[in-house]
């Protein structure tokens, strides 16, 4: 029980390190990927136009 208390006694530096690492990793991946994928957007837009044409014909 004493070892568990010693591990969790100073958890603030650990939390700060985890949060800062997550920000660094997120910024790295966001800066690496500049453009979103366009094939997925085109697929959804084509389905919207198909449904619009189907609903107009009825």
Protein backbone atom coordinates (compact mmCIF):
# COMPACT_ATOMS: atom_id res chain seq x y z
CA UNK A 1 0.00 0.00 0.00
CA UNK A 2 2.88 2.34 0.79
CA UNK A 3 4.45 1.87 -2.63
CA UNK A 4 1.18 2.75 -4.35
CA UNK A 5 0.93 5.96 -2.32
CA UNK A 6 4.51 6.87 -3.22
CA UNK A 7 3.82 6.34 -6.93
CA UNK A 8 0.72 8.55 -6.95
CA UNK A 9 2.03 11.18 -4.55
CA UNK A 10 3.75 13.26 -7.24
CA UNK A 11 1.52 12.72 -10.25
CA UNK A 12 1.43 16.36 -11.42
CA UNK A 13 4.76 16.22 -13.28
CA UNK A 14 3.69 12.98 -14.95
CA UNK A 15 0.41 14.52 -16.06
CA UNK A 16 2.17 17.61 -17.41
CA UNK A 17 4.65 15.45 -19.33
CA UNK A 18 1.83 13.35 -20.85
CA UNK A 19 -0.15 16.43 -21.88
CA UNK A 20 2.87 18.17 -23.40
CA UNK A 21 3.84 15.02 -25.32
CA UNK A 22 0.32 14.67 -26.66
CA UNK A 23 0.37 18.30 -27.88
CA UNK A 24 3.72 17.77 -29.57
CA UNK A 25 2.60 14.59 -31.29
CA UNK A 26 -0.70 16.16 -32.40
CA UNK A 27 1.07 19.22 -33.80
CA UNK A 28 3.55 17.03 -35.65
CA UNK A 29 0.79 15.07 -37.38
CA UNK A 30 -1.30 18.17 -38.10
CA UNK A 31 1.66 19.97 -39.68
CA UNK A 32 2.65 16.88 -41.66
CA UNK A 33 -0.78 16.49 -43.25
CA UNK A 34 -1.58 19.78 -44.98
CA UNK A 35 -4.48 18.83 -47.24
CA UNK A 36 -7.47 16.69 -46.32
CA UNK A 37 -8.26 13.77 -48.55
CA UNK A 38 -10.48 14.73 -51.44
CA UNK A 39 -11.68 11.32 -52.62
CA UNK A 40 -13.95 10.93 -49.59
CA UNK A 41 -15.49 14.38 -50.05
CA UNK A 42 -16.14 13.72 -53.73
CA UNK A 43 -17.81 10.41 -52.93
CA UNK A 44 -20.19 11.99 -50.45
CA UNK A 45 -20.97 14.91 -52.74
CA UNK A 46 -21.79 12.57 -55.62
CA UNK A 47 -24.19 10.65 -53.35
CA UNK A 48 -25.88 13.89 -52.34
CA UNK A 49 -26.42 14.84 -55.98
CA UNK A 50 -27.76 11.36 -56.78
CA UNK A 51 -30.27 11.60 -53.95
CA UNK A 52 -31.25 15.12 -55.02
CA UNK A 53 -31.93 13.91 -58.56
CA UNK A 54 -33.94 10.94 -57.29
CA UNK A 55 -36.07 13.17 -55.04
CA UNK A 56 -36.65 15.73 -57.82
CA UNK A 57 -37.85 13.03 -60.22
CA UNK A 58 -40.56 11.84 -57.85
